[in-house]
């Protein structure tokens, strides 16, 4: 029985070895062929479905924006300003109205916020305008300095100008010296 078990064990080992050799080969490759077909009707139906979904999204966006605006209007705080005049007192000649007994004002928060935003926009515009004016002023100052330098260069490099006052003093001085010389020579 030992020989029979050895034979069976040998056969089992050979079978396992055969399976390992043939089944786990690194030289074997698996090739797979993939065929893709495009169904144009499916593409068209998906595109129409996508455009419908986009339209629904746009409608929801506009509804959301309307709801936000309505919420802002509902949450808007209002302050009130009333003026009550004292009619028992005489009329003020400067204003033409009786004196004020009670005064109340009404302001909307959103209106005030819009005014603030408008003022901020105007402020930024004024700042930009001031910057451009400052830049143009500095450019003009630079040009003025350049013109002053050119004028001083021209004055220093120009030919001397005839000075009538110096000429007349020279003639008077020459005449006096000539008169003194003549007097000196005659003596």
N, C-alpha and C. Protein backbone atom coordinates (compact mmCIF):
# COMPACT_ATOMS: atom_id res chain seq x y z
N UNK A 1 0.79 -1.14 0.00
CA UNK A 1 0.00 0.00 0.00
C UNK A 1 0.86 1.25 0.00
N UNK A 2 1.97 1.13 0.43
CA UNK A 2 2.86 2.27 0.44
C UNK A 2 3.25 2.64 -0.97
N UNK A 3 3.43 1.70 -1.81
CA UNK A 3 3.82 2.02 -3.17
C UNK A 3 2.67 2.67 -3.91
N UNK A 4 1.46 2.24 -3.61
CA UNK A 4 0.30 2.81 -4.28
C UNK A 4 0.10 4.26 -3.82
N UNK A 5 0.29 4.55 -2.59
CA UNK A 5 0.17 5.89 -2.07
C UNK A 5 1.27 6.77 -2.63
N UNK A 6 2.44 6.21 -2.80
CA UNK A 6 3.54 6.98 -3.38
C UNK A 6 3.21 7.32 -4.81
N UNK A 7 2.58 6.38 -5.55
CA UNK A 7 2.21 6.63 -6.95
C UNK A 7 1.15 7.75 -6.99
N UNK A 8 0.19 7.67 -6.12
CA UNK A 8 -0.88 8.67 -6.10
C UNK A 8 -0.31 10.04 -5.73
N UNK A 9 0.57 10.04 -4.78
CA UNK A 9 1.19 11.27 -4.36
C UNK A 9 2.05 11.85 -5.48
N UNK A 10 2.73 10.98 -6.22
CA UNK A 10 3.54 11.41 -7.35
C UNK A 10 2.66 12.00 -8.44
N UNK A 11 1.56 11.31 -8.73
CA UNK A 11 0.64 11.80 -9.75
C UNK A 11 0.03 13.14 -9.33
N UNK A 12 -0.34 13.27 -8.11
CA UNK A 12 -0.93 14.51 -7.62
C UNK A 12 0.09 15.65 -7.72
N UNK A 13 1.33 15.37 -7.35
CA UNK A 13 2.38 16.37 -7.43
C UNK A 13 2.63 16.77 -8.87
N UNK A 14 2.67 15.79 -9.78
CA UNK A 14 2.87 16.09 -11.20
C UNK A 14 1.71 16.91 -11.74
N UNK A 15 0.49 16.60 -11.34
CA UNK A 15 -0.68 17.34 -11.82
C UNK A 15 -0.64 18.80 -11.31
N UNK A 16 -0.27 18.95 -10.06
CA UNK A 16 -0.18 20.30 -9.49
C UNK A 16 0.92 21.08 -10.18
N UNK A 17 2.04 20.41 -10.43
CA UNK A 17 3.15 21.06 -11.12
C UNK A 17 2.75 21.42 -12.54
N UNK A 18 2.05 20.55 -13.21
CA UNK A 18 1.59 20.80 -14.57
C UNK A 18 0.63 22.00 -14.59
N UNK A 19 -0.26 22.04 -13.63
CA UNK A 19 -1.20 23.15 -13.56
C UNK A 19 -0.47 24.48 -13.31
N UNK A 20 0.53 24.46 -12.43
CA UNK A 20 1.30 25.68 -12.17
C UNK A 20 2.06 26.12 -13.41
N UNK A 21 2.65 25.19 -14.10
CA UNK A 21 3.44 25.52 -15.28
C UNK A 21 2.55 26.06 -16.39
N UNK A 22 1.45 25.44 -16.63
CA UNK A 22 0.60 25.87 -17.74
C UNK A 22 -0.31 27.03 -17.35
N UNK A 23 -0.72 27.14 -16.14
CA UNK A 23 -1.70 28.15 -15.73
C UNK A 23 -1.08 29.48 -15.35
N UNK A 24 0.09 29.50 -14.84
CA UNK A 24 0.69 30.75 -14.34
C UNK A 24 1.83 31.20 -15.22
N UNK A 25 1.76 31.02 -16.47
CA UNK A 25 2.85 31.43 -17.35
C UNK A 25 2.86 32.94 -17.53
N UNK A 26 4.05 33.52 -17.45
CA UNK A 26 4.18 34.97 -17.58
C UNK A 26 4.21 35.38 -19.05
N UNK A 27 4.39 34.42 -19.94
CA UNK A 27 4.48 34.74 -21.36
C UNK A 27 3.11 34.81 -22.01
N UNK A 28 2.10 34.38 -21.31
CA UNK A 28 0.76 34.41 -21.88
C UNK A 28 0.16 35.80 -21.67
N UNK A 29 -0.46 36.33 -22.69
CA UNK A 29 -1.12 37.63 -22.59
C UNK A 29 -2.59 37.48 -22.92
N UNK A 30 -3.35 38.33 -22.33
CA UNK A 30 -4.78 38.31 -22.57
C UNK A 30 -5.10 39.50 -23.46
N UNK A 31 -5.74 39.24 -24.55
CA UNK A 31 -6.15 40.34 -25.43
C UNK A 31 -7.65 40.48 -25.33
N UNK A 32 -8.06 41.72 -25.35
CA UNK A 32 -9.49 42.00 -25.22
C UNK A 32 -9.86 43.00 -26.29
N UNK A 33 -10.92 42.78 -26.94
CA UNK A 33 -11.37 43.65 -27.99
C UNK A 33 -12.64 44.35 -27.50
N UNK A 34 -12.58 45.69 -27.51
CA UNK A 34 -13.72 46.47 -27.05
C UNK A 34 -14.32 47.17 -28.25
N UNK A 35 -15.57 47.01 -28.42
CA UNK A 35 -16.28 47.65 -29.53
C UNK A 35 -17.28 48.62 -28.91
N UNK A 36 -17.15 49.91 -29.32
CA UNK A 36 -18.07 50.90 -28.81
C UNK A 36 -18.90 51.41 -29.96
N UNK A 37 -20.14 51.45 -29.72
CA UNK A 37 -21.06 51.99 -30.72
C UNK A 37 -21.77 53.17 -30.10
N UNK A 38 -21.90 54.23 -30.87
CA UNK A 38 -22.58 55.43 -30.39
C UNK A 38 -23.97 55.43 -30.99
N UNK A 39 -24.92 55.53 -30.11
CA UNK A 39 -26.31 55.60 -30.54
C UNK A 39 -26.70 57.07 -30.58
N UNK A 40 -26.87 57.62 -31.79
CA UNK A 40 -27.13 59.05 -31.94
C UNK A 40 -28.48 59.43 -31.35
N UNK A 41 -29.42 58.56 -31.34
CA UNK A 41 -30.72 58.90 -30.74
C UNK A 41 -30.58 59.06 -29.23
N UNK A 42 -29.71 58.27 -28.61
CA UNK A 42 -29.50 58.40 -27.17
C UNK A 42 -28.80 59.72 -26.86
N UNK A 43 -27.85 60.12 -27.71
CA UNK A 43 -27.14 61.38 -27.51
C UNK A 43 -28.12 62.54 -27.63
N UNK A 44 -28.97 62.52 -28.64
CA UNK A 44 -29.94 63.59 -28.84
C UNK A 44 -30.90 63.65 -27.66
N UNK A 45 -31.38 62.52 -27.21
CA UNK A 45 -32.33 62.52 -26.09
C UNK A 45 -31.65 63.03 -24.81
N UNK A 46 -30.37 62.66 -24.60
CA UNK A 46 -29.65 63.17 -23.44
C UNK A 46 -29.42 64.67 -23.53
N UNK A 47 -29.14 65.18 -24.74
CA UNK A 47 -28.95 66.62 -24.90
C UNK A 47 -30.24 67.39 -24.64
N UNK A 48 -31.35 66.88 -25.13
CA UNK A 48 -32.63 67.55 -24.87
C UNK A 48 -32.96 67.51 -23.38
N UNK A 49 -32.69 66.38 -22.75
CA UNK A 49 -32.93 66.26 -21.31
C UNK A 49 -32.06 67.25 -20.55
N UNK A 50 -30.80 67.40 -20.99
CA UNK A 50 -29.88 68.34 -20.35
C UNK A 50 -30.37 69.78 -20.53
N UNK A 51 -30.84 70.14 -21.72
CA UNK A 51 -31.33 71.51 -21.95
C UNK A 51 -32.57 71.78 -21.12
N UNK A 52 -33.44 70.78 -20.95
CA UNK A 52 -34.62 70.94 -20.09
C UNK A 52 -34.20 71.19 -18.65
N UNK A 53 -33.21 70.42 -18.19
CA UNK A 53 -32.71 70.58 -16.81
C UNK A 53 -32.09 71.98 -16.64
N UNK A 54 -31.34 72.46 -17.65
CA UNK A 54 -30.75 73.79 -17.58
C UNK A 54 -31.84 74.86 -17.50
N UNK A 55 -32.92 74.69 -18.28
CA UNK A 55 -34.02 75.65 -18.23
C UNK A 55 -34.66 75.65 -16.85
N UNK A 56 -34.82 74.49 -16.27
CA UNK A 56 -35.40 74.39 -14.92
C UNK A 56 -34.50 75.09 -13.91
N UNK A 57 -33.18 74.89 -14.04
CA UNK A 57 -32.23 75.53 -13.14
C UNK A 57 -32.32 77.05 -13.27
N UNK A 58 -32.40 77.58 -14.49
CA UNK A 58 -32.49 79.03 -14.70
C UNK A 58 -33.78 79.57 -14.07
N UNK A 59 -34.89 78.84 -14.24
CA UNK A 59 -36.15 79.28 -13.62
C UNK A 59 -36.03 79.30 -12.11
N UNK A 60 -35.36 78.29 -11.56
CA UNK A 60 -35.19 78.25 -10.11
C UNK A 60 -34.30 79.40 -9.64
N UNK A 61 -33.28 79.77 -10.44
CA UNK A 61 -32.42 80.89 -10.08
C UNK A 61 -33.22 82.19 -10.03
N UNK A 62 -34.07 82.43 -11.04
CA UNK A 62 -34.87 83.66 -11.05
C UNK A 62 -35.86 83.68 -9.89
N UNK A 63 -36.47 82.52 -9.59
CA UNK A 63 -37.37 82.44 -8.43
C UNK A 63 -36.63 82.75 -7.14
N UNK A 64 -35.42 82.21 -7.01
CA UNK A 64 -34.62 82.46 -5.82
C UNK A 64 -34.28 83.94 -5.70
N UNK A 65 -33.94 84.57 -6.82
CA UNK A 65 -33.60 86.00 -6.79
C UNK A 65 -34.82 86.83 -6.41
N UNK A 66 -36.00 86.48 -6.95
CA UNK A 66 -37.22 87.19 -6.58
C UNK A 66 -37.52 87.02 -5.10
N UNK A 67 -37.31 85.81 -4.60
CA UNK A 67 -37.55 85.55 -3.18
C UNK A 67 -36.59 86.35 -2.31
N UNK A 68 -35.34 86.44 -2.72
CA UNK A 68 -34.37 87.23 -1.97
C UNK A 68 -34.78 88.70 -1.94
N UNK A 69 -35.19 89.24 -3.11
CA UNK A 69 -35.62 90.63 -3.15
C UNK A 69 -36.83 90.86 -2.25
N UNK A 70 -37.76 89.93 -2.27
CA UNK A 70 -38.95 90.05 -1.43
C UNK A 70 -38.56 89.99 0.05
N UNK A 71 -37.61 89.12 0.40
CA UNK A 71 -37.15 89.05 1.79
C UNK A 71 -36.51 90.37 2.21
N UNK A 72 -35.74 90.95 1.31
CA UNK A 72 -35.10 92.23 1.64
C UNK A 72 -36.17 93.29 1.87
N UNK A 73 -37.21 93.30 1.02
CA UNK A 73 -38.28 94.27 1.20
C UNK A 73 -39.03 94.03 2.51
N UNK A 74 -39.25 92.77 2.84
CA UNK A 74 -39.97 92.45 4.07
C UNK A 74 -39.14 92.77 5.31
N UNK A 75 -37.83 92.58 5.22
CA UNK A 75 -36.97 92.82 6.37
C UNK A 75 -36.54 94.28 6.47
N UNK A 76 -36.91 95.07 5.49
CA UNK A 76 -36.48 96.46 5.45
C UNK A 76 -37.06 97.22 6.65
N UNK A 77 -36.16 97.90 7.34
CA UNK A 77 -36.57 98.70 8.49
C UNK A 77 -36.95 100.09 8.00
N UNK A 78 -38.00 100.60 8.57
CA UNK A 78 -38.48 101.91 8.16
C UNK A 78 -38.47 102.82 9.37
N UNK A 79 -37.93 104.02 9.17
CA UNK A 79 -38.01 105.02 10.22
C UNK A 79 -38.89 106.16 9.72
N UNK A 80 -39.65 106.76 10.59
CA UNK A 80 -40.68 107.72 10.22
C UNK A 80 -40.32 109.12 10.72
N UNK A 81 -40.62 110.16 9.92
CA UNK A 81 -40.36 111.55 10.31
C UNK A 81 -41.65 112.35 10.11
N UNK A 82 -42.21 112.82 11.18
CA UNK A 82 -43.41 113.65 11.12
C UNK A 82 -43.11 114.99 11.76
N UNK A 83 -43.74 116.04 11.22
CA UNK A 83 -43.59 117.38 11.78
C UNK A 83 -44.97 117.83 12.25
N UNK A 84 -45.06 118.19 13.50
CA UNK A 84 -46.32 118.70 14.06
C UNK A 84 -46.07 120.14 14.50
N UNK A 85 -46.90 121.06 13.96
CA UNK A 85 -46.71 122.48 14.24
C UNK A 85 -47.61 122.91 15.40
N UNK A 86 -47.13 123.89 16.15
CA UNK A 86 -47.92 124.47 17.23
C UNK A 86 -48.70 125.64 16.65
N UNK A 87 -49.97 125.42 16.39
CA UNK A 87 -50.78 126.44 15.73
C UNK A 87 -51.25 127.51 16.69
N UNK A 88 -51.05 127.30 17.98
CA UNK A 88 -51.47 128.32 18.95
C UNK A 88 -50.48 129.48 19.00
N UNK A 89 -49.24 129.25 18.51
CA UNK A 89 -48.21 130.29 18.50
C UNK A 89 -48.28 131.08 17.19
N UNK A 90 -47.73 132.31 17.16
CA UNK A 90 -47.75 133.10 15.91
C UNK A 90 -46.81 132.49 14.86
N UNK A 91 -47.05 132.80 13.59
CA UNK A 91 -46.28 132.29 12.45
C UNK A 91 -44.91 132.97 12.43
N UNK A 92 -43.88 132.16 12.16
CA UNK A 92 -42.51 132.66 12.06
C UNK A 92 -42.38 133.39 10.72
N UNK A 93 -41.99 134.69 10.71
CA UNK A 93 -41.92 135.43 9.45
C UNK A 93 -40.82 134.93 8.51
N UNK A 94 -39.77 134.31 9.04
CA UNK A 94 -38.68 133.83 8.18
C UNK A 94 -39.09 132.59 7.40
N UNK A 95 -39.79 131.65 8.04
CA UNK A 95 -40.19 130.41 7.38
C UNK A 95 -41.60 130.45 6.84
N UNK A 96 -42.44 131.32 7.38
CA UNK A 96 -43.83 131.40 6.95
C UNK A 96 -44.66 130.27 7.53
N UNK A 97 -44.13 129.61 8.55
CA UNK A 97 -44.83 128.48 9.18
C UNK A 97 -44.88 128.73 10.67
N UNK A 98 -45.87 128.12 11.32
CA UNK A 98 -45.88 128.22 12.78
C UNK A 98 -44.72 127.43 13.37
N UNK A 99 -44.37 127.65 14.62
CA UNK A 99 -43.26 126.93 15.23
C UNK A 99 -43.54 125.43 15.29
N UNK A 100 -42.46 124.66 15.23
CA UNK A 100 -42.57 123.20 15.24
C UNK A 100 -42.84 122.74 16.66
N UNK A 101 -43.89 121.92 16.79
CA UNK A 101 -44.22 121.36 18.09
C UNK A 101 -43.60 119.97 18.23
N UNK A 102 -43.66 119.19 17.16
CA UNK A 102 -43.14 117.82 17.18
C UNK A 102 -42.66 117.49 15.76
N UNK A 103 -41.52 116.78 15.64
CA UNK A 103 -40.96 116.44 14.33
C UNK A 103 -40.53 114.97 14.33
N UNK A 104 -40.99 114.21 13.30
CA UNK A 104 -40.65 112.80 13.16
C UNK A 104 -40.25 112.55 11.70
N UNK A 105 -39.18 111.77 11.46
CA UNK A 105 -38.74 111.46 10.09
C UNK A 105 -38.91 109.97 9.81
N UNK A 106 -39.14 109.62 8.52
CA UNK A 106 -39.28 108.23 8.09
C UNK A 106 -38.21 107.95 7.04
N UNK A 107 -37.39 106.94 7.28
CA UNK A 107 -36.35 106.55 6.32
C UNK A 107 -36.35 105.05 6.18
N UNK A 108 -36.13 104.59 4.97
CA UNK A 108 -36.05 103.16 4.71
C UNK A 108 -34.59 102.73 4.74
N UNK A 109 -34.33 101.59 5.36
CA UNK A 109 -32.97 101.10 5.48
C UNK A 109 -32.36 100.83 4.10
N UNK A 110 -33.15 100.24 3.21
CA UNK A 110 -32.62 99.92 1.88
C UNK A 110 -32.32 101.19 1.09
N UNK A 111 -33.19 102.22 1.25
CA UNK A 111 -32.93 103.48 0.55
C UNK A 111 -31.65 104.11 1.07
N UNK A 112 -31.49 104.08 2.40
CA UNK A 112 -30.26 104.64 2.97
C UNK A 112 -29.03 103.86 2.52
N UNK A 113 -29.14 102.53 2.45
CA UNK A 113 -28.02 101.72 1.99
C UNK A 113 -27.69 102.03 0.54
N UNK A 114 -28.73 102.22 -0.30
CA UNK A 114 -28.49 102.57 -1.70
C UNK A 114 -27.79 103.93 -1.80
N UNK A 115 -28.23 104.87 -0.96
CA UNK A 115 -27.59 106.18 -0.96
C UNK A 115 -26.12 106.07 -0.57
N UNK A 116 -25.87 105.26 0.46
CA UNK A 116 -24.48 105.06 0.90
C UNK A 116 -23.66 104.45 -0.23
N UNK A 117 -24.23 103.44 -0.92
CA UNK A 117 -23.52 102.81 -2.05
C UNK A 117 -23.26 103.83 -3.15
N UNK A 118 -24.29 104.68 -3.45
CA UNK A 118 -24.10 105.70 -4.47
C UNK A 118 -23.01 106.69 -4.07
N UNK A 119 -23.00 107.08 -2.78
CA UNK A 119 -21.97 107.99 -2.30
C UNK A 119 -20.58 107.35 -2.37
N UNK A 120 -20.52 106.06 -2.08
CA UNK A 120 -19.23 105.37 -2.17
C UNK A 120 -18.75 105.32 -3.61
N UNK A 121 -19.68 105.06 -4.55
CA UNK A 121 -19.30 105.06 -5.97
C UNK A 121 -18.82 106.44 -6.39
N UNK A 122 -19.55 107.49 -5.96
CA UNK A 122 -19.12 108.85 -6.28
C UNK A 122 -17.77 109.17 -5.67
N UNK A 123 -17.57 108.70 -4.45
CA UNK A 123 -16.29 108.94 -3.78
C UNK A 123 -15.14 108.29 -4.54
N UNK A 124 -15.33 107.05 -4.99
CA UNK A 124 -14.26 106.39 -5.76
C UNK A 124 -14.02 107.13 -7.08
N UNK A 125 -15.11 107.60 -7.72
CA UNK A 125 -14.94 108.35 -8.96
C UNK A 125 -14.18 109.66 -8.69
N UNK A 126 -14.52 110.35 -7.59
CA UNK A 126 -13.82 111.58 -7.26
C UNK A 126 -12.35 111.31 -6.94
N UNK A 127 -12.10 110.20 -6.26
CA UNK A 127 -10.70 109.85 -5.95
C UNK A 127 -9.92 109.63 -7.24
N UNK A 128 -10.53 108.92 -8.20
CA UNK A 128 -9.86 108.69 -9.48
C UNK A 128 -9.61 110.02 -10.19
N UNK A 129 -10.62 110.89 -10.15
CA UNK A 129 -10.47 112.19 -10.80
C UNK A 129 -9.37 113.01 -10.14
N UNK A 130 -9.31 112.98 -8.80
CA UNK A 130 -8.26 113.70 -8.07
C UNK A 130 -6.89 113.14 -8.44
N UNK A 131 -6.79 111.81 -8.55
CA UNK A 131 -5.52 111.21 -8.94
C UNK A 131 -5.09 111.66 -10.33
N UNK A 132 -6.05 111.69 -11.28
CA UNK A 132 -5.68 112.12 -12.64
C UNK A 132 -5.31 113.60 -12.65
N UNK A 133 -6.04 114.42 -11.88
CA UNK A 133 -5.70 115.84 -11.82
C UNK A 133 -4.35 116.06 -11.16
N UNK A 134 -4.06 115.28 -10.12
CA UNK A 134 -2.77 115.39 -9.46
C UNK A 134 -1.65 114.99 -10.41
N UNK A 135 -1.88 113.94 -11.16
CA UNK A 135 -0.89 113.50 -12.14
C UNK A 135 -0.68 114.56 -13.21
N UNK A 136 -1.78 115.14 -13.72
CA UNK A 136 -1.62 116.17 -14.75
C UNK A 136 -0.94 117.41 -14.17
N UNK A 137 -1.22 117.75 -12.88
CA UNK A 137 -0.55 118.87 -12.24
C UNK A 137 0.95 118.64 -12.14
N UNK A 138 1.32 117.43 -11.72
CA UNK A 138 2.75 117.14 -11.60
C UNK A 138 3.42 117.16 -12.98
N UNK A 139 2.71 116.69 -14.00
CA UNK A 139 3.25 116.76 -15.36
C UNK A 139 3.45 118.21 -15.80
N UNK A 140 2.46 119.06 -15.48
CA UNK A 140 2.58 120.47 -15.85
C UNK A 140 3.71 121.15 -15.08
N UNK A 141 3.88 120.81 -13.81
CA UNK A 141 4.99 121.37 -13.03
C UNK A 141 6.32 120.94 -13.62
N UNK A 142 6.40 119.69 -14.04
CA UNK A 142 7.63 119.21 -14.67
C UNK A 142 7.90 119.98 -15.95
N UNK A 143 6.87 120.18 -16.78
CA UNK A 143 7.04 120.93 -18.02
C UNK A 143 7.45 122.37 -17.73
N UNK A 144 6.85 122.97 -16.68
CA UNK A 144 7.19 124.34 -16.31
C UNK A 144 8.65 124.44 -15.90
N UNK A 145 9.12 123.51 -15.11
CA UNK A 145 10.53 123.49 -14.70
C UNK A 145 11.44 123.33 -15.91
N UNK A 146 11.04 122.48 -16.85
CA UNK A 146 11.85 122.30 -18.06
C UNK A 146 11.92 123.61 -18.86
N UNK A 147 10.78 124.32 -18.97
CA UNK A 147 10.77 125.58 -19.70
C UNK A 147 11.63 126.62 -18.98
N UNK A 148 11.55 126.65 -17.63
CA UNK A 148 12.39 127.59 -16.87
C UNK A 148 13.87 127.29 -17.10
N UNK A 149 14.24 126.01 -17.10
CA UNK A 149 15.64 125.65 -17.36
C UNK A 149 16.07 126.08 -18.76
N UNK A 150 15.19 125.83 -19.73
CA UNK A 150 15.51 126.24 -21.10
C UNK A 150 15.70 127.75 -21.18
N UNK A 151 14.81 128.51 -20.50
CA UNK A 151 14.93 129.97 -20.51
C UNK A 151 16.23 130.43 -19.86
N UNK A 152 16.58 129.81 -18.73
CA UNK A 152 17.84 130.22 -18.08
C UNK A 152 19.04 129.83 -18.96
N UNK A 153 18.97 128.67 -19.62
CA UNK A 153 20.05 128.28 -20.53
C UNK A 153 20.16 129.26 -21.69
N UNK A 154 19.02 129.67 -22.21
CA UNK A 154 19.03 130.62 -23.33
C UNK A 154 19.60 131.96 -22.87
N UNK A 155 19.24 132.41 -21.66
CA UNK A 155 19.74 133.69 -21.16
C UNK A 155 21.25 133.65 -20.96
N UNK A 156 21.76 132.52 -20.44
CA UNK A 156 23.20 132.45 -20.21
C UNK A 156 23.98 132.27 -21.51
N UNK A 157 23.40 131.61 -22.48
CA UNK A 157 24.11 131.35 -23.74
C UNK A 157 23.87 132.42 -24.79
N UNK A 158 22.99 133.35 -24.56
CA UNK A 158 22.68 134.34 -25.59
C UNK A 158 23.75 135.44 -25.62
N UNK A 159 23.79 136.15 -26.73
CA UNK A 159 24.77 137.25 -26.91
C UNK A 159 24.37 138.40 -25.99
N UNK A 160 25.38 139.20 -25.53
CA UNK A 160 25.05 140.31 -24.63
C UNK A 160 24.15 141.31 -25.35
N UNK A 161 23.24 141.87 -24.58
CA UNK A 161 22.26 142.82 -25.12
C UNK A 161 22.81 144.23 -24.92
N UNK A 162 22.54 145.09 -25.87
CA UNK A 162 22.97 146.48 -25.80
C UNK A 162 22.27 147.15 -24.63
N UNK A 163 23.10 147.70 -23.70
CA UNK A 163 22.56 148.35 -22.52
C UNK A 163 22.73 149.85 -22.69
N UNK A 164 21.62 150.54 -22.92
CA UNK A 164 21.63 151.97 -23.21
C UNK A 164 22.13 152.77 -22.01
N UNK A 165 21.77 152.39 -20.83
CA UNK A 165 22.18 153.09 -19.62
C UNK A 165 23.70 153.07 -19.45
N UNK A 166 24.28 151.88 -19.63
CA UNK A 166 25.74 151.77 -19.51
C UNK A 166 26.43 152.58 -20.61
N UNK A 167 25.85 152.57 -21.80
CA UNK A 167 26.42 153.33 -22.91
C UNK A 167 26.44 154.83 -22.60
N UNK A 168 25.33 155.33 -22.07
CA UNK A 168 25.26 156.77 -21.75
C UNK A 168 26.22 157.12 -20.63
N UNK A 169 26.35 156.30 -19.61
CA UNK A 169 27.31 156.56 -18.55
C UNK A 169 28.74 156.56 -19.10
N UNK A 170 28.98 155.67 -20.03
CA UNK A 170 30.32 155.63 -20.64
C UNK A 170 30.61 156.91 -21.41
N UNK A 171 29.62 157.42 -22.13
CA UNK A 171 29.81 158.67 -22.89
C UNK A 171 30.04 159.83 -21.92
N UNK A 172 29.23 159.90 -20.86
CA UNK A 172 29.37 161.00 -19.90
C UNK A 172 30.74 160.92 -19.23
N UNK A 173 31.15 159.73 -18.82
CA UNK A 173 32.44 159.56 -18.17
C UNK A 173 33.57 159.93 -19.14
N UNK A 174 33.44 159.49 -20.39
CA UNK A 174 34.46 159.83 -21.39
C UNK A 174 34.55 161.34 -21.63
N UNK A 175 33.37 161.98 -21.67
CA UNK A 175 33.35 163.44 -21.89
C UNK A 175 34.00 164.17 -20.72
N UNK A 176 33.70 163.73 -19.50
CA UNK A 176 34.30 164.36 -18.32
C UNK A 176 35.81 164.16 -18.34
N UNK A 177 36.27 162.92 -18.65
CA UNK A 177 37.71 162.67 -18.70
C UNK A 177 38.37 163.50 -19.82
N UNK A 178 37.69 163.60 -20.95
CA UNK A 178 38.23 164.41 -22.06
C UNK A 178 38.32 165.87 -21.65
N UNK A 179 37.29 166.38 -20.96
CA UNK A 179 37.28 167.77 -20.51
C UNK A 179 38.41 168.00 -19.50
N UNK A 180 38.61 167.06 -18.58
CA UNK A 180 39.69 167.18 -17.60
C UNK A 180 41.05 167.10 -18.29
N UNK A 181 41.18 166.25 -19.29
CA UNK A 181 42.44 166.12 -20.01
C UNK A 181 42.78 167.41 -20.77
N UNK A 182 41.74 167.98 -21.37
CA UNK A 182 41.95 169.26 -22.09
C UNK A 182 42.36 170.35 -21.11
N UNK A 183 41.71 170.43 -19.98
CA UNK A 183 42.07 171.41 -18.97
C UNK A 183 43.48 171.19 -18.45
N UNK A 184 43.85 169.98 -18.25
CA UNK A 184 45.18 169.64 -17.76
C UNK A 184 46.25 170.00 -18.81
N UNK A 185 45.96 169.73 -20.05
CA UNK A 185 46.91 170.03 -21.10
C UNK A 185 47.04 171.55 -21.33
N UNK A 186 46.06 172.32 -21.09
CA UNK A 186 46.10 173.77 -21.31
C UNK A 186 46.83 174.45 -20.16
N UNK A 187 46.97 173.95 -19.11
CA UNK A 187 47.64 174.58 -18.01
C UNK A 187 49.07 174.38 -18.12
